[in-house]
PDB file of all heavy atoms in Angstrom:
ATOM      1  N   GLY A   1      -4.691  -2.399 -21.986  1.00  0.00           N
ATOM      2  CA  GLY A   1      -3.300  -2.822 -21.871  1.00  0.00           C
ATOM      3  C   GLY A   1      -2.364  -1.662 -21.599  1.00  0.00           C
ATOM      4  O   GLY A   1      -1.371  -1.806 -20.878  1.00  0.00           O
ATOM      5  N   ALA A   2      -2.671  -0.497 -22.162  1.00  0.00           N
ATOM      6  CA  ALA A   2      -1.842   0.678 -21.885  1.00  0.00           C
ATOM      7  C   ALA A   2      -1.974   1.109 -20.431  1.00  0.00           C
ATOM      8  O   ALA A   2      -1.010   1.566 -19.823  1.00  0.00           O
ATOM      9  CB  ALA A   2      -2.234   1.828 -22.816  1.00  0.00           C
ATOM     10  N   ILE A   3      -3.160   0.935 -19.865  1.00  0.00           N
ATOM     11  CA  ILE A   3      -3.353   1.298 -18.464  1.00  0.00           C
ATOM     12  C   ILE A   3      -2.562   0.380 -17.547  1.00  0.00           C
ATOM     13  O   ILE A   3      -1.914   0.833 -16.608  1.00  0.00           O
ATOM     14  CB  ILE A   3      -4.859   1.254 -18.103  1.00  0.00           C
ATOM     15  CG1 ILE A   3      -5.592   2.386 -18.816  1.00  0.00           C
ATOM     16  CG2 ILE A   3      -5.082   1.354 -16.607  1.00  0.00           C
ATOM     17  CD1 ILE A   3      -7.100   2.288 -18.730  1.00  0.00           C
ATOM     18  N   ILE A   4      -2.592  -0.925 -17.813  1.00  0.00           N
ATOM     19  CA  ILE A   4      -1.878  -1.878 -16.943  1.00  0.00           C
ATOM     20  C   ILE A   4      -0.471  -2.182 -17.450  1.00  0.00           C
ATOM     21  O   ILE A   4       0.215  -3.032 -16.900  1.00  0.00           O
ATOM     22  CB  ILE A   4      -2.681  -3.178 -16.773  1.00  0.00           C
ATOM     23  CG1 ILE A   4      -2.855  -3.920 -18.094  1.00  0.00           C
ATOM     24  CG2 ILE A   4      -4.023  -2.905 -16.120  1.00  0.00           C
ATOM     25  CD1 ILE A   4      -3.456  -5.300 -17.962  1.00  0.00           C
ATOM     26  N   ASP A   5      -0.035  -1.484 -18.517  1.00  0.00           N
ATOM     27  CA  ASP A   5       1.312  -1.601 -19.071  1.00  0.00           C
ATOM     28  C   ASP A   5       1.613  -3.017 -19.576  1.00  0.00           C
ATOM     29  O   ASP A   5       2.701  -3.554 -19.352  1.00  0.00           O
ATOM     30  CB  ASP A   5       2.359  -1.151 -18.048  1.00  0.00           C
ATOM     31  CG  ASP A   5       3.661  -0.771 -18.720  1.00  0.00           C
ATOM     32  OD1 ASP A   5       3.624  -0.402 -19.913  1.00  0.00           O
ATOM     33  OD2 ASP A   5       4.720  -0.856 -18.066  1.00  0.00           O
ATOM     34  N   VAL A   6       0.649  -3.627 -20.253  1.00  0.00           N
ATOM     35  CA  VAL A   6       0.814  -4.925 -20.911  1.00  0.00           C
ATOM     36  C   VAL A   6       0.271  -4.777 -22.330  1.00  0.00           C
ATOM     37  O   VAL A   6      -0.855  -4.315 -22.503  1.00  0.00           O
ATOM     38  CB  VAL A   6       0.049  -6.037 -20.160  1.00  0.00           C
ATOM     39  CG1 VAL A   6       0.169  -7.358 -20.893  1.00  0.00           C
ATOM     40  CG2 VAL A   6       0.542  -6.176 -18.740  1.00  0.00           C
ATOM     41  N   PRO A   7       1.040  -5.163 -23.360  1.00  0.00           N
ATOM     42  CA  PRO A   7       0.586  -4.960 -24.746  1.00  0.00           C
ATOM     43  C   PRO A   7      -0.483  -5.974 -25.164  1.00  0.00           C
ATOM     44  O   PRO A   7      -0.229  -6.888 -25.944  1.00  0.00           O
ATOM     45  CB  PRO A   7       1.866  -5.120 -25.548  1.00  0.00           C
ATOM     46  CG  PRO A   7       2.713  -6.028 -24.728  1.00  0.00           C
ATOM     47  CD  PRO A   7       2.387  -5.716 -23.298  1.00  0.00           C
ATOM     48  N   LEU A   8      -1.694  -5.818 -24.667  1.00  0.00           N
ATOM     49  CA  LEU A   8      -2.764  -6.771 -24.949  1.00  0.00           C
ATOM     50  C   LEU A   8      -3.280  -6.658 -26.385  1.00  0.00           C
ATOM     51  O   LEU A   8      -3.768  -7.639 -26.940  1.00  0.00           O
ATOM     52  CB  LEU A   8      -3.930  -6.562 -23.974  1.00  0.00           C
ATOM     53  CG  LEU A   8      -3.626  -6.828 -22.506  1.00  0.00           C
ATOM     54  CD1 LEU A   8      -4.835  -6.461 -21.657  1.00  0.00           C
ATOM     55  CD2 LEU A   8      -3.243  -8.270 -22.292  1.00  0.00           C
ATOM     56  N   GLY A   9      -3.171  -5.485 -26.995  1.00  0.00           N
ATOM     57  CA  GLY A   9      -3.662  -5.296 -28.352  1.00  0.00           C
ATOM     58  C   GLY A   9      -2.985  -6.200 -29.355  1.00  0.00           C
ATOM     59  O   GLY A   9      -3.620  -6.720 -30.276  1.00  0.00           O
ATOM     60  N   ARG A  10      -1.692  -6.448 -29.185  1.00  0.00           N
ATOM     61  CA  ARG A  10      -0.989  -7.309 -30.125  1.00  0.00           C
ATOM     62  C   ARG A  10      -1.475  -8.750 -30.040  1.00  0.00           C
ATOM     63  O   ARG A  10      -1.460  -9.466 -31.032  1.00  0.00           O
ATOM     64  CB  ARG A  10       0.513  -7.232 -29.925  1.00  0.00           C
ATOM     65  CG  ARG A  10       1.041  -8.007 -28.747  1.00  0.00           C
ATOM     66  CD  ARG A  10       2.545  -8.048 -28.701  1.00  0.00           C
ATOM     67  NE  ARG A  10       3.073  -6.720 -28.555  1.00  0.00           N
ATOM     68  CZ  ARG A  10       4.276  -6.446 -28.110  1.00  0.00           C
ATOM     69  NH1 ARG A  10       5.072  -7.406 -27.774  1.00  0.00           N
ATOM     70  NH2 ARG A  10       4.684  -5.216 -27.984  1.00  0.00           N
ATOM     71  N   TYR A  11      -1.929  -9.183 -28.872  1.00  0.00           N
ATOM     72  CA  TYR A  11      -2.450 -10.544 -28.744  1.00  0.00           C
ATOM     73  C   TYR A  11      -3.795 -10.687 -29.460  1.00  0.00           C
ATOM     74  O   TYR A  11      -4.072 -11.734 -30.058  1.00  0.00           O
ATOM     75  CB  TYR A  11      -2.564 -10.949 -27.280  1.00  0.00           C
ATOM     76  CG  TYR A  11      -1.230 -10.914 -26.575  1.00  0.00           C
ATOM     77  CD1 TYR A  11      -1.028 -10.078 -25.476  1.00  0.00           C
ATOM     78  CD2 TYR A  11      -0.162 -11.662 -27.026  1.00  0.00           C
ATOM     79  CE1 TYR A  11       0.198 -10.021 -24.836  1.00  0.00           C
ATOM     80  CE2 TYR A  11       1.076 -11.608 -26.402  1.00  0.00           C
ATOM     81  CZ  TYR A  11       1.240 -10.790 -25.307  1.00  0.00           C
ATOM     82  OH  TYR A  11       2.462 -10.732 -24.691  1.00  0.00           O
ATOM     83  N   VAL A  12      -4.602  -9.652 -29.419  1.00  0.00           N
ATOM     84  CA  VAL A  12      -5.873  -9.671 -30.158  1.00  0.00           C
ATOM     85  C   VAL A  12      -5.590  -9.776 -31.650  1.00  0.00           C
ATOM     86  O   VAL A  12      -6.227 -10.548 -32.365  1.00  0.00           O
ATOM     87  CB  VAL A  12      -6.715  -8.416 -29.837  1.00  0.00           C
ATOM     88  CG1 VAL A  12      -7.931  -8.334 -30.734  1.00  0.00           C
ATOM     89  CG2 VAL A  12      -7.117  -8.396 -28.383  1.00  0.00           C
ATOM     90  N   VAL A  13      -4.616  -9.016 -32.128  1.00  0.00           N
ATOM     91  CA  VAL A  13      -4.251  -9.069 -33.547  1.00  0.00           C
ATOM     92  C   VAL A  13      -3.738 -10.452 -33.920  1.00  0.00           C
ATOM     93  O   VAL A  13      -4.142 -11.016 -34.945  1.00  0.00           O
ATOM     94  CB  VAL A  13      -3.204  -7.983 -33.875  1.00  0.00           C
ATOM     95  CG1 VAL A  13      -2.649  -8.162 -35.277  1.00  0.00           C
ATOM     96  CG2 VAL A  13      -3.806  -6.603 -33.716  1.00  0.00           C
ATOM     97  N   LEU A  14      -2.882 -11.026 -33.092  1.00  0.00           N
ATOM     98  CA  LEU A  14      -2.349 -12.364 -33.392  1.00  0.00           C
ATOM     99  C   LEU A  14      -3.427 -13.436 -33.393  1.00  0.00           C
ATOM    100  O   LEU A  14      -3.427 -14.336 -34.237  1.00  0.00           O
ATOM    101  CB  LEU A  14      -1.245 -12.732 -32.389  1.00  0.00           C
ATOM    102  CG  LEU A  14       0.070 -11.974 -32.547  1.00  0.00           C
ATOM    103  CD1 LEU A  14       1.018 -12.299 -31.394  1.00  0.00           C
ATOM    104  CD2 LEU A  14       0.715 -12.289 -33.873  1.00  0.00           C
ATOM    105  N   ILE A  15      -4.367 -13.347 -32.454  1.00  0.00           N
ATOM    106  CA  ILE A  15      -5.431 -14.351 -32.368  1.00  0.00           C
ATOM    107  C   ILE A  15      -6.365 -14.258 -33.563  1.00  0.00           C
ATOM    108  O   ILE A  15      -6.839 -15.283 -34.069  1.00  0.00           O
ATOM    109  CB  ILE A  15      -6.208 -14.183 -31.039  1.00  0.00           C
ATOM    110  CG1 ILE A  15      -5.323 -14.611 -29.866  1.00  0.00           C
ATOM    111  CG2 ILE A  15      -7.500 -14.987 -31.058  1.00  0.00           C
ATOM    112  CD1 ILE A  15      -5.893 -14.245 -28.514  1.00  0.00           C
ATOM    113  N   THR A  16      -6.641 -13.062 -34.044  1.00  0.00           N
ATOM    114  CA  THR A  16      -7.610 -12.889 -35.126  1.00  0.00           C
ATOM    115  C   THR A  16      -6.987 -12.822 -36.518  1.00  0.00           C
ATOM    116  O   THR A  16      -7.710 -12.688 -37.503  1.00  0.00           O
ATOM    117  CB  THR A  16      -8.433 -11.612 -34.900  1.00  0.00           C
ATOM    118  OG1 THR A  16      -7.562 -10.486 -34.879  1.00  0.00           O
ATOM    119  CG2 THR A  16      -9.230 -11.699 -33.619  1.00  0.00           C
ATOM    120  N   MET A  17      -5.679 -12.952 -36.625  1.00  0.00           N
ATOM    121  CA  MET A  17      -5.005 -12.783 -37.903  1.00  0.00           C
ATOM    122  C   MET A  17      -5.426 -13.843 -38.933  1.00  0.00           C
ATOM    123  O   MET A  17      -5.835 -13.500 -40.052  1.00  0.00           O
ATOM    124  CB  MET A  17      -3.490 -12.824 -37.712  1.00  0.00           C
ATOM    125  CG  MET A  17      -2.722 -12.416 -38.944  1.00  0.00           C
ATOM    126  SD  MET A  17      -0.942 -12.435 -38.702  1.00  0.00           S
ATOM    127  CE  MET A  17      -0.727 -11.389 -37.300  1.00  0.00           C
ATOM    128  N   VAL A  18      -5.347 -15.098 -38.603  1.00  0.00           N
ATOM    129  CA  VAL A  18      -5.667 -16.159 -39.562  1.00  0.00           C
ATOM    130  C   VAL A  18      -7.146 -16.175 -39.927  1.00  0.00           C
ATOM    131  O   VAL A  18      -7.484 -16.198 -41.117  1.00  0.00           O
ATOM    132  CB  VAL A  18      -5.194 -17.538 -39.035  1.00  0.00           C
ATOM    133  CG1 VAL A  18      -5.689 -18.670 -39.924  1.00  0.00           C
ATOM    134  CG2 VAL A  18      -3.673 -17.566 -38.953  1.00  0.00           C
ATOM    135  N   PRO A  19      -8.085 -16.143 -38.947  1.00  0.00           N
ATOM    136  CA  PRO A  19      -9.484 -16.128 -39.373  1.00  0.00           C
ATOM    137  C   PRO A  19      -9.867 -14.873 -40.154  1.00  0.00           C
ATOM    138  O   PRO A  19     -10.716 -14.934 -41.040  1.00  0.00           O
ATOM    139  CB  PRO A  19     -10.273 -16.244 -38.070  1.00  0.00           C
ATOM    140  CG  PRO A  19      -9.326 -16.093 -36.965  1.00  0.00           C
ATOM    141  CD  PRO A  19      -7.958 -16.253 -37.494  1.00  0.00           C
ATOM    142  N   SER A  20      -9.225 -13.759 -39.881  1.00  0.00           N
ATOM    143  CA  SER A  20      -9.515 -12.543 -40.648  1.00  0.00           C
ATOM    144  C   SER A  20      -9.052 -12.701 -42.091  1.00  0.00           C
ATOM    145  O   SER A  20      -9.721 -12.266 -43.027  1.00  0.00           O
ATOM    146  CB  SER A  20      -8.822 -11.334 -40.025  1.00  0.00           C
ATOM    147  OG  SER A  20      -9.335 -11.067 -38.755  1.00  0.00           O
ATOM    148  N   PHE A  21      -7.902 -13.334 -42.273  1.00  0.00           N
ATOM    149  CA  PHE A  21      -7.402 -13.569 -43.624  1.00  0.00           C
ATOM    150  C   PHE A  21      -8.321 -14.524 -44.388  1.00  0.00           C
ATOM    151  O   PHE A  21      -8.638 -14.281 -45.559  1.00  0.00           O
ATOM    152  CB  PHE A  21      -5.976 -14.125 -43.573  1.00  0.00           C
ATOM    153  CG  PHE A  21      -5.383 -14.366 -44.925  1.00  0.00           C
ATOM    154  CD1 PHE A  21      -5.014 -13.306 -45.724  1.00  0.00           C
ATOM    155  CD2 PHE A  21      -5.199 -15.652 -45.392  1.00  0.00           C
ATOM    156  CE1 PHE A  21      -4.466 -13.527 -46.981  1.00  0.00           C
ATOM    157  CE2 PHE A  21      -4.657 -15.873 -46.641  1.00  0.00           C
ATOM    158  CZ  PHE A  21      -4.293 -14.809 -47.430  1.00  0.00           C
ATOM    159  N   THR A  22      -8.776 -15.585 -43.722  1.00  0.00           N
ATOM    160  CA  THR A  22      -9.628 -16.551 -44.423  1.00  0.00           C
ATOM    161  C   THR A  22     -10.989 -15.962 -44.781  1.00  0.00           C
ATOM    162  O   THR A  22     -11.506 -16.234 -45.864  1.00  0.00           O
ATOM    163  CB  THR A  22      -9.812 -17.844 -43.604  1.00  0.00           C
ATOM    164  OG1 THR A  22     -10.397 -17.536 -42.345  1.00  0.00           O
ATOM    165  CG2 THR A  22      -8.508 -18.561 -43.406  1.00  0.00           C
ATOM    166  N   VAL A  23     -11.568 -15.149 -43.908  1.00  0.00           N
ATOM    167  CA  VAL A  23     -12.861 -14.535 -44.239  1.00  0.00           C
ATOM    168  C   VAL A  23     -12.675 -13.501 -45.360  1.00  0.00           C
ATOM    169  O   VAL A  23     -13.572 -13.316 -46.191  1.00  0.00           O
ATOM    170  CB  VAL A  23     -13.559 -13.928 -42.997  1.00  0.00           C
ATOM    171  CG1 VAL A  23     -12.958 -12.612 -42.580  1.00  0.00           C
ATOM    172  CG2 VAL A  23     -15.047 -13.763 -43.252  1.00  0.00           C
ATOM    173  N   THR A  24     -11.522 -12.868 -45.423  1.00  0.00           N
ATOM    174  CA  THR A  24     -11.241 -11.949 -46.516  1.00  0.00           C
ATOM    175  C   THR A  24     -11.153 -12.695 -47.840  1.00  0.00           C
ATOM    176  O   THR A  24     -11.688 -12.250 -48.860  1.00  0.00           O
ATOM    177  CB  THR A  24      -9.932 -11.177 -46.250  1.00  0.00           C
ATOM    178  OG1 THR A  24     -10.041 -10.494 -44.997  1.00  0.00           O
ATOM    179  CG2 THR A  24      -9.624 -10.192 -47.345  1.00  0.00           C
ATOM    180  N   VAL A  25     -10.489 -13.849 -47.832  1.00  0.00           N
ATOM    181  CA  VAL A  25     -10.408 -14.662 -49.041  1.00  0.00           C
ATOM    182  C   VAL A  25     -11.801 -15.099 -49.485  1.00  0.00           C
ATOM    183  O   VAL A  25     -12.158 -14.995 -50.663  1.00  0.00           O
ATOM    184  CB  VAL A  25      -9.504 -15.892 -48.800  1.00  0.00           C
ATOM    185  CG1 VAL A  25      -9.605 -16.894 -49.948  1.00  0.00           C
ATOM    186  CG2 VAL A  25      -8.064 -15.467 -48.591  1.00  0.00           C
ATOM    187  N   ARG A  26     -12.610 -15.568 -48.552  1.00  0.00           N
ATOM    188  CA  ARG A  26     -13.970 -16.008 -48.900  1.00  0.00           C
ATOM    189  C   ARG A  26     -14.828 -14.834 -49.387  1.00  0.00           C
ATOM    190  O   ARG A  26     -15.669 -15.002 -50.270  1.00  0.00           O
ATOM    191  CB  ARG A  26     -14.631 -16.693 -47.709  1.00  0.00           C
ATOM    192  CG  ARG A  26     -14.000 -18.031 -47.371  1.00  0.00           C
ATOM    193  CD  ARG A  26     -14.844 -18.817 -46.386  1.00  0.00           C
ATOM    194  NE  ARG A  26     -15.239 -18.069 -45.211  1.00  0.00           N
ATOM    195  CZ  ARG A  26     -14.570 -18.014 -44.068  1.00  0.00           C
ATOM    196  NH1 ARG A  26     -13.438 -18.704 -43.939  1.00  0.00           N
ATOM    197  NH2 ARG A  26     -15.015 -17.312 -43.049  1.00  0.00           N
TER     198      ARG A  26
END
């Protein structure tokens, strides 16, 4: 994303936020 000047990293974080939280709880 830095190469093409689009913040793609934040989309990965947003997509994985809820399942990461639930697996942490489990």
